[in-house]
């Protein structure tokens, strides 16, 4: 198992050494054909092979663990980590919080992705997966007056569709939207003032679930598109109401 040495020089700072060490470990994983759960040599091995200090390798391993590339723990060797949507979720949350992207922009990307996942789900879902999606749509209906529970079921509904697509990357991407949905779903739900509007929202989820259960990709895409057409409008409406509310508060100061 060979590792290319990281050549140090007077112009290298700690950050660049760490970055190059991370790349070297990443290259090692790829070149050795390691898979999820496989163990890696420890800090000492890489420090010696790369010609860097243990402190540099400790920081490199820490950075890789933070990115969920490896799992590290006291008393055991580092292991190759599984794909984790939490990293994408953190990046999305940061981008929204710092006004680099907007929630409607996120919803537009979600719409594109979920139109594909629902088509795949209708084609590839198992009976158990189809039943799970139906059950979650009904759980949303039962929990209409319990906003936290309804939000959890809504998030789980979309996650279940992604899992039924049998595409591991779609599963992680859709799950990365979860933290934003925890805020956006209640905000959008607040714009549905009447019982009829709330029932219509539940029925759109049911339509998606029924199409998946029936194994009808075209109907599933049409139902999901109809759901997002309304959902994006609700998000925009909620944001507009929030802006107006802040304006009235500032005017009243």
C-alpha atoms as a PDB file:
ATOM      1  CA  UNK A   1       0.000   0.000   0.000  1.00  0.00           C
ATOM      2  CA  UNK A   2       1.866   3.036  -1.220  1.00  0.00           C
ATOM      3  CA  UNK A   3       1.216   6.646  -0.392  1.00  0.00           C
ATOM      4  CA  UNK A   4       2.718   9.520  -2.321  1.00  0.00           C
ATOM      5  CA  UNK A   5       4.708  11.751   0.006  1.00  0.00           C
ATOM      6  CA  UNK A   6       3.478  15.279   0.620  1.00  0.00           C
ATOM      7  CA  UNK A   7       6.547  17.395  -0.040  1.00  0.00           C
ATOM      8  CA  UNK A   8       6.896  20.236   2.423  1.00  0.00           C
ATOM      9  CA  UNK A   9       8.593  23.546   1.817  1.00  0.00           C
ATOM     10  CA  UNK A  10       9.116  26.922   3.348  1.00  0.00           C
ATOM     11  CA  UNK A  11       6.095  28.344   1.563  1.00  0.00           C
ATOM     12  CA  UNK A  12       3.702  25.623   2.803  1.00  0.00           C
ATOM     13  CA  UNK A  13       1.466  26.610   5.684  1.00  0.00           C
ATOM     14  CA  UNK A  14      -0.448  24.295   8.017  1.00  0.00           C
ATOM     15  CA  UNK A  15      -3.637  24.684   6.028  1.00  0.00           C
ATOM     16  CA  UNK A  16      -2.076  23.605   2.724  1.00  0.00           C
ATOM     17  CA  UNK A  17      -0.374  20.622   4.344  1.00  0.00           C
ATOM     18  CA  UNK A  18      -3.678  19.527   5.843  1.00  0.00           C
ATOM     19  CA  UNK A  19      -5.478  19.935   2.518  1.00  0.00           C
ATOM     20  CA  UNK A  20      -2.816  17.960   0.681  1.00  0.00           C
ATOM     21  CA  UNK A  21      -2.876  15.271   3.347  1.00  0.00           C
ATOM     22  CA  UNK A  22      -6.664  14.993   3.021  1.00  0.00           C
ATOM     23  CA  UNK A  23      -6.224  14.572  -0.735  1.00  0.00           C
ATOM     24  CA  UNK A  24      -3.562  11.919  -0.207  1.00  0.00           C
ATOM     25  CA  UNK A  25      -5.823   9.895   2.102  1.00  0.00           C
ATOM     26  CA  UNK A  26      -8.704  10.296  -0.366  1.00  0.00           C
ATOM     27  CA  UNK A  27      -6.444   9.044  -3.158  1.00  0.00           C
ATOM     28  CA  UNK A  28      -5.381   6.119  -0.964  1.00  0.00           C
ATOM     29  CA  UNK A  29      -9.025   5.097  -0.412  1.00  0.00           C
ATOM     30  CA  UNK A  30      -9.729   5.213  -4.150  1.00  0.00           C
ATOM     31  CA  UNK A  31      -6.519   3.482  -5.253  1.00  0.00           C
ATOM     32  CA  UNK A  32      -6.912   0.678  -2.712  1.00  0.00           C
ATOM     33  CA  UNK A  33     -10.543   0.160  -3.710  1.00  0.00           C
ATOM     34  CA  UNK A  34     -11.761   0.571  -0.137  1.00  0.00           C
ATOM     35  CA  UNK A  35     -15.501   0.455   0.559  1.00  0.00           C
ATOM     36  CA  UNK A  36     -17.809   1.633   3.353  1.00  0.00           C
ATOM     37  CA  UNK A  37     -16.705   0.179   6.670  1.00  0.00           C
ATOM     38  CA  UNK A  38     -13.204  -0.773   5.513  1.00  0.00           C
ATOM     39  CA  UNK A  39     -10.464   0.316   7.899  1.00  0.00           C
ATOM     40  CA  UNK A  40      -7.637   2.704   7.103  1.00  0.00           C
ATOM     41  CA  UNK A  41      -4.120   2.863   8.514  1.00  0.00           C
ATOM     42  CA  UNK A  42      -3.785   5.256  11.444  1.00  0.00           C
ATOM     43  CA  UNK A  43      -2.320   8.736  11.755  1.00  0.00           C
ATOM     44  CA  UNK A  44       1.200   7.440  12.354  1.00  0.00           C
ATOM     45  CA  UNK A  45       1.269   5.466   9.102  1.00  0.00           C
ATOM     46  CA  UNK A  46       0.161   8.421   6.989  1.00  0.00           C
ATOM     47  CA  UNK A  47       2.369  10.901   8.868  1.00  0.00           C
ATOM     48  CA  UNK A  48       5.430   8.769   8.111  1.00  0.00           C
ATOM     49  CA  UNK A  49       4.445   7.977   4.530  1.00  0.00           C
ATOM     50  CA  UNK A  50       3.556  11.571   3.688  1.00  0.00           C
ATOM     51  CA  UNK A  51       6.424  13.169   5.581  1.00  0.00           C
ATOM     52  CA  UNK A  52       4.200  15.348   7.765  1.00  0.00           C
ATOM     53  CA  UNK A  53       3.701  15.665  11.505  1.00  0.00           C
ATOM     54  CA  UNK A  54       1.158  13.719  13.542  1.00  0.00           C
ATOM     55  CA  UNK A  55      -0.541  17.056  14.292  1.00  0.00           C
ATOM     56  CA  UNK A  56      -1.114  17.647  10.575  1.00  0.00           C
ATOM     57  CA  UNK A  57      -2.569  14.156  10.119  1.00  0.00           C
ATOM     58  CA  UNK A  58      -4.770  14.571  13.210  1.00  0.00           C
ATOM     59  CA  UNK A  59      -6.198  17.752  11.679  1.00  0.00           C
ATOM     60  CA  UNK A  60      -6.587  16.082   8.275  1.00  0.00           C
ATOM     61  CA  UNK A  61      -8.448  13.128   9.816  1.00  0.00           C
ATOM     62  CA  UNK A  62     -10.620  15.547  11.785  1.00  0.00           C
ATOM     63  CA  UNK A  63     -11.512  17.463   8.627  1.00  0.00           C
ATOM     64  CA  UNK A  64     -12.395  14.238   6.820  1.00  0.00           C
ATOM     65  CA  UNK A  65     -14.528  13.094   9.742  1.00  0.00           C
ATOM     66  CA  UNK A  66     -16.373  16.427   9.755  1.00  0.00           C
ATOM     67  CA  UNK A  67     -17.157  15.901   6.067  1.00  0.00           C
ATOM     68  CA  UNK A  68     -18.339  12.338   6.834  1.00  0.00           C
ATOM     69  CA  UNK A  69     -15.650  10.864   4.582  1.00  0.00           C
ATOM     70  CA  UNK A  70     -14.259   8.712   7.381  1.00  0.00           C
ATOM     71  CA  UNK A  71     -15.442   7.562  10.793  1.00  0.00           C
ATOM     72  CA  UNK A  72     -12.980   7.995  13.641  1.00  0.00           C
ATOM     73  CA  UNK A  73     -13.246   6.926  17.245  1.00  0.00           C
ATOM     74  CA  UNK A  74     -11.053   6.473  20.280  1.00  0.00           C
ATOM     75  CA  UNK A  75      -9.167   3.212  20.344  1.00  0.00           C
ATOM     76  CA  UNK A  76      -9.967   2.002  16.823  1.00  0.00           C
ATOM     77  CA  UNK A  77      -8.736   2.556  13.309  1.00  0.00           C
ATOM     78  CA  UNK A  78     -10.520   5.065  11.083  1.00  0.00           C
ATOM     79  CA  UNK A  79     -13.016   3.553   8.667  1.00  0.00           C
ATOM     80  CA  UNK A  80     -14.455   4.607   5.332  1.00  0.00           C
ATOM     81  CA  UNK A  81     -17.763   6.381   6.030  1.00  0.00           C
ATOM     82  CA  UNK A  82     -21.079   6.009   4.249  1.00  0.00           C
ATOM     83  CA  UNK A  83     -22.568   8.747   2.076  1.00  0.00           C
ATOM     84  CA  UNK A  84     -24.359  11.216   4.351  1.00  0.00           C
ATOM     85  CA  UNK A  85     -26.798  13.921   3.270  1.00  0.00           C
ATOM     86  CA  UNK A  86     -26.122  15.827   6.505  1.00  0.00           C
ATOM     87  CA  UNK A  87     -23.136  17.515   4.862  1.00  0.00           C
ATOM     88  CA  UNK A  88     -25.299  18.790   2.007  1.00  0.00           C
ATOM     89  CA  UNK A  89     -27.970  19.838   4.507  1.00  0.00           C
ATOM     90  CA  UNK A  90     -25.454  21.946   6.442  1.00  0.00           C
ATOM     91  CA  UNK A  91     -24.258  23.629   3.247  1.00  0.00           C
ATOM     92  CA  UNK A  92     -27.829  24.375   2.145  1.00  0.00           C
ATOM     93  CA  UNK A  93     -28.766  25.765   5.543  1.00  0.00           C
ATOM     94  CA  UNK A  94     -25.687  27.986   5.607  1.00  0.00           C
ATOM     95  CA  UNK A  95     -26.363  29.243   2.074  1.00  0.00           C
ATOM     96  CA  UNK A  96     -29.959  30.157   2.944  1.00  0.00           C
ATOM     97  CA  UNK A  97     -29.008  31.741   6.283  1.00  0.00           C
ATOM     98  CA  UNK A  98     -26.387  33.926   4.604  1.00  0.00           C
ATOM     99  CA  UNK A  99     -28.670  34.927   1.691  1.00  0.00           C
ATOM    100  CA  UNK A 100     -26.567  33.170  -0.934  1.00  0.00           C
ATOM    101  CA  UNK A 101     -29.671  31.305  -2.105  1.00  0.00           C
ATOM    102  CA  UNK A 102     -33.363  31.676  -1.312  1.00  0.00           C
ATOM    103  CA  UNK A 103     -35.891  29.125  -0.101  1.00  0.00           C
ATOM    104  CA  UNK A 104     -37.883  29.405  -3.372  1.00  0.00           C
ATOM    105  CA  UNK A 105     -34.660  28.592  -5.256  1.00  0.00           C
ATOM    106  CA  UNK A 106     -34.203  25.509  -3.096  1.00  0.00           C
ATOM    107  CA  UNK A 107     -37.816  24.536  -3.769  1.00  0.00           C
ATOM    108  CA  UNK A 108     -37.263  24.932  -7.514  1.00  0.00           C
ATOM    109  CA  UNK A 109     -34.321  22.510  -7.371  1.00  0.00           C
ATOM    110  CA  UNK A 110     -36.347  20.163  -5.169  1.00  0.00           C
ATOM    111  CA  UNK A 111     -39.136  20.190  -7.705  1.00  0.00           C
ATOM    112  CA  UNK A 112     -36.782  19.148 -10.513  1.00  0.00           C
ATOM    113  CA  UNK A 113     -35.258  16.360  -8.440  1.00  0.00           C
ATOM    114  CA  UNK A 114     -38.487  15.034  -6.977  1.00  0.00           C
ATOM    115  CA  UNK A 115     -40.215  14.824 -10.353  1.00  0.00           C
ATOM    116  CA  UNK A 116     -37.513  12.324 -11.285  1.00  0.00           C
ATOM    117  CA  UNK A 117     -37.538  10.440  -7.985  1.00  0.00           C
ATOM    118  CA  UNK A 118     -41.312   9.996  -8.061  1.00  0.00           C
ATOM    119  CA  UNK A 119     -41.130   8.558 -11.585  1.00  0.00           C
ATOM    120  CA  UNK A 120     -38.451   6.104 -10.479  1.00  0.00           C
ATOM    121  CA  UNK A 121     -40.427   5.263  -7.335  1.00  0.00           C
ATOM    122  CA  UNK A 122     -43.525   4.429  -9.370  1.00  0.00           C
ATOM    123  CA  UNK A 123     -41.376   2.139 -11.532  1.00  0.00           C
ATOM    124  CA  UNK A 124     -39.146   0.460  -8.960  1.00  0.00           C
ATOM    125  CA  UNK A 125     -40.982   0.548  -5.602  1.00  0.00           C
ATOM    126  CA  UNK A 126     -41.625  -2.638  -3.699  1.00  0.00           C
ATOM    127  CA  UNK A 127     -45.043  -3.423  -2.262  1.00  0.00           C
ATOM    128  CA  UNK A 128     -43.807  -2.529   1.237  1.00  0.00           C
ATOM    129  CA  UNK A 129     -42.372   0.780   0.022  1.00  0.00           C
ATOM    130  CA  UNK A 130     -45.607   1.667  -1.782  1.00  0.00           C
ATOM    131  CA  UNK A 131     -47.625   0.876   1.340  1.00  0.00           C
ATOM    132  CA  UNK A 132     -45.268   2.973   3.470  1.00  0.00           C
ATOM    133  CA  UNK A 133     -45.829   5.994   1.203  1.00  0.00           C
ATOM    134  CA  UNK A 134     -49.610   5.517   1.357  1.00  0.00           C
ATOM    135  CA  UNK A 135     -49.449   5.232   5.156  1.00  0.00           C
ATOM    136  CA  UNK A 136     -47.428   8.444   5.487  1.00  0.00           C
ATOM    137  CA  UNK A 137     -49.925  10.383   3.365  1.00  0.00           C
ATOM    138  CA  UNK A 138     -52.695   9.151   5.660  1.00  0.00           C
ATOM    139  CA  UNK A 139     -50.615   9.988   8.735  1.00  0.00           C
ATOM    140  CA  UNK A 140     -50.407  13.573   7.478  1.00  0.00           C
ATOM    141  CA  UNK A 141     -54.197  13.667   7.225  1.00  0.00           C
ATOM    142  CA  UNK A 142     -54.588  12.431  10.797  1.00  0.00           C
ATOM    143  CA  UNK A 143     -52.049  14.979  12.086  1.00  0.00           C
ATOM    144  CA  UNK A 144     -53.452  18.079  10.347  1.00  0.00           C
ATOM    145  CA  UNK A 145     -54.075  19.764  13.710  1.00  0.00           C
ATOM    146  CA  UNK A 146     -50.674  18.711  15.080  1.00  0.00           C
ATOM    147  CA  UNK A 147     -48.225  20.782  13.047  1.00  0.00           C
ATOM    148  CA  UNK A 148     -44.966  19.244  14.359  1.00  0.00           C
ATOM    149  CA  UNK A 149     -46.248  15.711  13.711  1.00  0.00           C
ATOM    150  CA  UNK A 150     -47.645  16.652  10.313  1.00  0.00           C
ATOM    151  CA  UNK A 151     -44.302  18.201   9.350  1.00  0.00           C
ATOM    152  CA  UNK A 152     -42.432  15.040  10.386  1.00  0.00           C
ATOM    153  CA  UNK A 153     -44.784  12.911   8.294  1.00  0.00           C
ATOM    154  CA  UNK A 154     -44.407  15.258   5.314  1.00  0.00           C
ATOM    155  CA  UNK A 155     -40.600  15.027   5.453  1.00  0.00           C
ATOM    156  CA  UNK A 156     -40.789  11.250   5.878  1.00  0.00           C
ATOM    157  CA  UNK A 157     -43.186  11.045   2.902  1.00  0.00           C
ATOM    158  CA  UNK A 158     -40.659  12.621   0.535  1.00  0.00           C
ATOM    159  CA  UNK A 159     -37.789  10.604   2.024  1.00  0.00           C
ATOM    160  CA  UNK A 160     -39.777   7.400   1.476  1.00  0.00           C
ATOM    161  CA  UNK A 161     -40.360   8.283  -2.178  1.00  0.00           C
ATOM    162  CA  UNK A 162     -36.632   8.875  -2.650  1.00  0.00           C
ATOM    163  CA  UNK A 163     -35.845   5.497  -1.048  1.00  0.00           C
ATOM    164  CA  UNK A 164     -38.382   3.816  -3.333  1.00  0.00           C
ATOM    165  CA  UNK A 165     -36.502   5.248  -6.332  1.00  0.00           C
ATOM    166  CA  UNK A 166     -33.635   2.870  -5.443  1.00  0.00           C
ATOM    167  CA  UNK A 167     -31.074   5.548  -6.305  1.00  0.00           C
ATOM    168  CA  UNK A 168     -28.761   6.119  -3.335  1.00  0.00           C
ATOM    169  CA  UNK A 169     -27.775   9.627  -4.424  1.00  0.00           C
ATOM    170  CA  UNK A 170     -31.377  10.794  -4.704  1.00  0.00           C
ATOM    171  CA  UNK A 171     -31.960   9.466  -1.184  1.00  0.00           C
ATOM    172  CA  UNK A 172     -29.171  11.635   0.210  1.00  0.00           C
ATOM    173  CA  UNK A 173     -30.068  14.738  -1.804  1.00  0.00           C
ATOM    174  CA  UNK A 174     -33.733  14.596  -0.801  1.00  0.00           C
ATOM    175  CA  UNK A 175     -32.825  13.979   2.846  1.00  0.00           C
ATOM    176  CA  UNK A 176     -30.581  17.065   2.738  1.00  0.00           C
ATOM    177  CA  UNK A 177     -33.709  19.196   2.240  1.00  0.00           C
ATOM    178  CA  UNK A 178     -35.170  17.939   5.542  1.00  0.00           C
ATOM    179  CA  UNK A 179     -33.861  20.693   7.859  1.00  0.00           C
ATOM    180  CA  UNK A 180     -35.195  23.408   5.553  1.00  0.00           C
ATOM    181  CA  UNK A 181     -38.551  21.629   5.362  1.00  0.00           C
ATOM    182  CA  UNK A 182     -38.793  21.742   9.149  1.00  0.00           C
ATOM    183  CA  UNK A 183     -39.178  25.519   8.786  1.00  0.00           C
ATOM    184  CA  UNK A 184     -40.742  25.862   5.349  1.00  0.00           C
ATOM    185  CA  UNK A 185     -43.561  23.330   5.790  1.00  0.00           C
ATOM    186  CA  UNK A 186     -45.085  25.040   8.873  1.00  0.00           C
ATOM    187  CA  UNK A 187     -44.579  28.452   7.221  1.00  0.00           C
ATOM    188  CA  UNK A 188     -46.378  27.365   4.062  1.00  0.00           C
ATOM    189  CA  UNK A 189     -49.057  25.516   6.068  1.00  0.00           C
ATOM    190  CA  UNK A 190     -49.873  28.793   7.833  1.00  0.00           C
ATOM    191  CA  UNK A 191     -51.007  30.241   4.487  1.00  0.00           C
ATOM    192  CA  UNK A 192     -53.670  27.523   4.167  1.00  0.00           C
ATOM    193  CA  UNK A 193     -56.281  29.327   6.182  1.00  0.00           C
ATOM    194  CA  UNK A 194     -59.330  27.207   5.427  1.00  0.00           C
ATOM    195  CA  UNK A 195     -60.139  23.570   6.037  1.00  0.00           C
ATOM    196  CA  UNK A 196     -60.699  23.124   2.306  1.00  0.00           C
ATOM    197  CA  UNK A 197     -57.182  24.378   1.510  1.00  0.00           C
ATOM    198  CA  UNK A 198     -55.648  22.014   4.041  1.00  0.00           C
ATOM    199  CA  UNK A 199     -57.656  19.062   2.784  1.00  0.00           C
ATOM    200  CA  UNK A 200     -56.585  19.885  -0.771  1.00  0.00           C
ATOM    201  CA  UNK A 201     -52.931  19.751   0.307  1.00  0.00           C
ATOM    202  CA  UNK A 202     -53.436  16.342   1.894  1.00  0.00           C
ATOM    203  CA  UNK A 203     -55.256  15.125  -1.223  1.00  0.00           C
ATOM    204  CA  UNK A 204     -52.295  16.124  -3.394  1.00  0.00           C
ATOM    205  CA  UNK A 205     -50.056  13.915  -1.268  1.00  0.00           C
ATOM    206  CA  UNK A 206     -52.579  11.108  -1.532  1.00  0.00           C
ATOM    207  CA  UNK A 207     -52.623  11.480  -5.320  1.00  0.00           C
ATOM    208  CA  UNK A 208     -48.847  11.088  -5.438  1.00  0.00           C
ATOM    209  CA  UNK A 209     -49.025   8.039  -3.173  1.00  0.00           C
ATOM    210  CA  UNK A 210     -51.817   6.412  -5.195  1.00  0.00           C
ATOM    211  CA  UNK A 211     -49.916   6.862  -8.465  1.00  0.00           C
ATOM    212  CA  UNK A 212     -46.795   5.263  -6.975  1.00  0.00           C
ATOM    213  CA  UNK A 213     -48.892   2.414  -5.577  1.00  0.00           C
ATOM    214  CA  UNK A 214     -50.450   1.905  -9.017  1.00  0.00           C
ATOM    215  CA  UNK A 215     -47.016   1.837 -10.664  1.00  0.00           C
ATOM    216  CA  UNK A 216     -47.931   4.736 -12.969  1.00  0.00           C
ATOM    217  CA  UNK A 217     -44.884   7.017 -13.514  1.00  0.00           C
ATOM    218  CA  UNK A 218     -46.735   9.549 -15.690  1.00  0.00           C
ATOM    219  CA  UNK A 219     -49.518   9.993 -13.135  1.00  0.00           C
ATOM    220  CA  UNK A 220     -46.967  10.174 -10.307  1.00  0.00           C
ATOM    221  CA  UNK A 221     -45.030  12.954 -12.067  1.00  0.00           C
ATOM    222  CA  UNK A 222     -48.219  14.886 -12.822  1.00  0.00           C
ATOM    223  CA  UNK A 223     -49.373  14.600  -9.198  1.00  0.00           C
ATOM    224  CA  UNK A 224     -45.981  15.664  -7.810  1.00  0.00           C
ATOM    225  CA  UNK A 225     -45.825  18.585 -10.250  1.00  0.00           C
ATOM    226  CA  UNK A 226     -49.277  19.707  -9.120  1.00  0.00           C
ATOM    227  CA  UNK A 227     -48.160  19.413  -5.482  1.00  0.00           C
ATOM    228  CA  UNK A 228     -45.061  21.538  -6.081  1.00  0.00           C
ATOM    229  CA  UNK A 229     -46.955  24.111  -8.133  1.00  0.00           C
ATOM    230  CA  UNK A 230     -49.040  24.837  -5.050  1.00  0.00           C
ATOM    231  CA  UNK A 231     -46.256  24.331  -2.502  1.00  0.00           C
ATOM    232  CA  UNK A 232     -43.915  26.847  -4.161  1.00  0.00           C
ATOM    233  CA  UNK A 233     -46.763  29.340  -4.330  1.00  0.00           C
ATOM    234  CA  UNK A 234     -47.430  28.864  -0.625  1.00  0.00           C
ATOM    235  CA  UNK A 235     -43.751  29.427   0.200  1.00  0.00           C
ATOM    236  CA  UNK A 236     -43.656  32.624  -1.866  1.00  0.00           C
ATOM    237  CA  UNK A 237     -46.904  33.818  -0.289  1.00  0.00           C
ATOM    238  CA  UNK A 238     -45.575  33.136   3.203  1.00  0.00           C
ATOM    239  CA  UNK A 239     -42.350  35.003   2.482  1.00  0.00           C
ATOM    240  CA  UNK A 240     -44.292  37.972   1.096  1.00  0.00           C
ATOM    241  CA  UNK A 241     -46.474  38.062   4.200  1.00  0.00           C
ATOM    242  CA  UNK A 242     -43.354  37.947   6.359  1.00  0.00           C
ATOM    243  CA  UNK A 243     -41.838  40.899   4.509  1.00  0.00           C
ATOM    244  CA  UNK A 244     -45.071  42.896   4.885  1.00  0.00           C
ATOM    245  CA  UNK A 245     -45.214  42.032   8.570  1.00  0.00           C
ATOM    246  CA  UNK A 246     -41.663  43.207   9.156  1.00  0.00           C
ATOM    247  CA  UNK A 247     -42.413  46.395   7.237  1.00  0.00           C
ATOM    248  CA  UNK A 248     -45.405  47.175   9.474  1.00  0.00           C
ATOM    249  CA  UNK A 249     -43.341  46.511  12.592  1.00  0.00           C
ATOM    250  CA  UNK A 250     -40.543  48.794  11.413  1.00  0.00           C
ATOM    251  CA  UNK A 251     -43.038  51.497  10.431  1.00  0.00           C
ATOM    252  CA  UNK A 252     -44.576  51.302  13.883  1.00  0.00           C
ATOM    253  CA  UNK A 253     -41.269  51.824  15.688  1.00  0.00           C
END
